[in-house]
Amino acid sequence: MRFKHFLSLGLFLGLLLVSGSKIFAQQSTVIGQELNTITTAVPFLQIGPDARSGGMGEVGGASSPDANSLHWNPAKYSYLKNDMGFALSYSPWLRALVNDINLAYLTGYKKLGDNQAIAGSLLYFSLGDIVFTNITGDVVGNYRPSEFAISGAYSRMLTNRLSGAVSARFIHSNLTQGQEVAGTSTKPGNSVAADIAIYSEHPFEMNNIEGASFNWGINISNIGAKISYSDDNTQRDFIPTNLRIGTNLALDIDDYNKISFMVDFNKLLIPTPPVYQTDSSGQVITDNNGDPIIFKGKNPNVSVPVGMFQSFYDAPGGFKEELHEVIIAAGIEYWYDNVFALRAGYFHEHATKGNRKFFTFGAGLRYNVFGLDVSFLVPTEQLNPLGNTLRFTLHFDFDAFKNQEAK
């Protein structure tokens, strides 16, 4: 195993395993520091899996419905016109360092009449081949750590202009293959989660435009149990519960030209790390029970429901820091004759909350049964695991296949 490969895995495991322990470097900030990122277990659930949204700055809360809607807003499925379809996506990960880490996504849907639909997906994240060694450097095994999530969704029209959906998800994260990490026995982490979503389309008239619509959607995803990677159940980490609010101004200019302008707002609904009191040497001060004394902020060791509500007011920096936790994504999509698409977007995360900032570009093609989307990401502030990497999504339209057979 190459050193860079091991380093990338170590950094990844560090965010997942250390965040729930008594090592407060991942759970807190030190007085005077502005950086206060929120870390969670199974962060792969937050990765945009498909190339269409990947080409539009990672927007999808109110984009036009497609087979990949389960990740972004499952309530959109009720608005689909086709009876059935599925999509397969592939995204290389850390391509500049290694060539065997990737994210794969398989999803499909089936309409149940005009007003309801069901959908399912499999999200699989492979960390490639890893050689584990002990403290003396002896090889103890060759493994392929991986994570996956299996999801199912039901969507239904609630009114003529509003649809709703619920999703269920099983999450499995096997990163260490049972090896000891820092003297602690590990095990695969498992959790279950749910999504609640709504989506609405509102057509309106606009001069010189054949059709115009303002669409919006809200999705609260990954509402679920904390996850643990050891037998010590006191060390349990939040999964990335996320609030997504999306808007979309869709304009059908004429019979051949369509354009959409989209903006998504995202916020993690988990506690913000507080600022702990420190002594003159920078060491965290603890109380008689060995717990750190909070200087600013709220106690992050709370239940999932409490953490969701607390996430709106617990930032040590007050309302200003709460605003910094809102991620903004904007995208534009142009279609010609419903056959060829061009896309672009921008993703912005505040510097104190991760500093992910990047532009995206993409294109799409639909021809009879098949469709293909590609996207490309250009980071602006720091290295990105998907930076300068092509991502692909293949679509399959069953209605087009049936029509072709009939002809």
Foldseek 3Di string as FASTA:
>chain_A
DDPLLVVVLVVVVCLEAVCLDPPCPNQADAPPDLFFADTFHPCVLVDDFAQVCLQFQNAQQWDQDDQSNVSRFVQNVLVDPFFKKKKKWKAAFLVVRDGAWIKIKIKMKGADPNFKIKMKMKIKTKSGWDFDADPVRHTDDIDIWMKMKIKMKMKGAPDPFKIKMKMKMKIKGGSPVQDDDPNFTWAIKIKMFMKIKMKGWAWDDDPQFPTKIKIKMKMFTGLIFFIGTGPPVSRTTGHFGKIKIKIKIWTRNDQFKIKMKMKMKMAGQAATRAHFDADPVRHFDADPVRHGHGPFFDDRPDGSVVSRVSLQAGYRVGNVVSVLRIKMKIKMWMGGNNAKIWMKIWIAHHPSHPGWTWIKIKMKGDDQFKIKIKMAIDTDPDDGRRHRHIMMMMMGRVVSVVVVVVD
